[in-house]
Amino acid sequence: MLSSIIFFYIIFFISVSISTKININNRPSVGVIRWDAWNLFNSQYDPISFYLHRALSPEKFHYRIPFYATVLSSTNISFNGDLQNVMDQEILYAKHAGIDYWAFDTYCQFGINCTTNNTYCIQYYKQTSNQYCPQNPSYGLNLYLSSVYKSLINFTLILLGSSPCDITFQQHYIDLMKLPQFQTVLGGRPLVYLFQFDNAEADICGCGWSGSGQIFNKFRQMAISQGLQNPYMVLMDFNVATVQSHASMLGFDAISTYALPGGTLDGTPFVELFHSAQQWWQSAHDIGAKMVPIAPTGWDPRPRAENPVPWVIEGPEHYIQPTVDELQELIRSGINFTCNYNQTVEAQTIIIYAWNECSETSGSLIPSMGNGTLYIDALSKILPMYC
């Protein structure tokens, strides 16, 4: 079945040269956050995938599972996204939607029993994200890079925790920036996001915010010395004033956020989340911050509330997932804001939450058991959008 779907999309995109890099001139680009935690490692669920499997196995949550997952019973599912044909299909789906780039969550790799010799990774495990220790966190990015379809969609990184302060990690990021598929803004500057970087991370990175700013400035200089343009660095956090203050101390170029949690026990209408996003954009504009607008397609961590994951505490408060019209209006509004406030949104890009955060929101864009291709079909009707 999967092979026949892939064949369909190959025919659909036969007019698209897969050797041609995406041209985003004269229009804002659209990125989507990607969280790869849907894999097997040595024939067992990766330590993070284990908790997703547990959270989504109850029948009432089966509608969220991605297209490559299988229902085994009313209390059990199976999945493995760590397959080349799955990634190939995801790229074709994303291209169909009109998405320009994926932003891959990027963090430490751990051994058996969460072992690591890296100080930054130890700090991330103990302080930033308790017991978050995947053994193969880069499987999605690696499959993307090995896909014959990779030129259909660009990519960037969301760096998590303090590990980006490690020079070995930094060189790896720079090597990725050199690839032709890496997303750039403002005429060629590599676009990079940083998330989950707060006081604890600043302390271990550079003995505080000022010192961390010096570390990241050296990272910029490393990139420039290797022939790249100055990276365009975006700090993510939930509170506008806080993230702007921290971004200023780090010397970052702009701010954004990963998601907008909230809602009620009974489910708040999606329009309220839409308004929260608009308020976030306006608040950033009002304080004079450069920004990348967040476009959240939902928030609904009820599977995690019923079957908790160890790295974060999330309750059952949620928003009702968007209709097609609501999703389209959210993206239209984000792009229109980008066009109208092109000094504030100088990078001319928006970031969508999310592609495959299926346990944290019912509004993930990836085709799923419940939604099918509803959301990517909806986006395909409005993207690309021009100013």
Foldseek 3Di string as FASTA:
>chain_A
DLVVLLVVLCVVCVVPDLVDADDQPQAFAEEFEDFDQFAADPNHRWPSNVLVQQLQQAQVNQQLAFPQKARPDNRGIHTHCLDLSNLSSQLSLCLLLQHAEYAYEDEDAADPPRDDPDPQSVCCCVPQFPPPHTNCRCSNVVSLVVHSNNSSHAYEYAYEGQVCLDVVVLVVRLVVLPDSRFDDFDPFAGEYEYESCDQSSQCVNQNGLLGLLVSVVVSQVVNVVVPGHRHQYEYADADLVVRQVSCVSNVHQFYEHQAHDFAALVAAECVVRLVVQVVSVVVNVVVPTQYAREQEQWFAQPSCQVRPDRGDHDHGGIHDGDDLVVSVVSVVVSRVSCVVPCVSPVRSYHYYYHQRPSNTGSRHCRARNNCGNVNSNSSSVCPPDGD
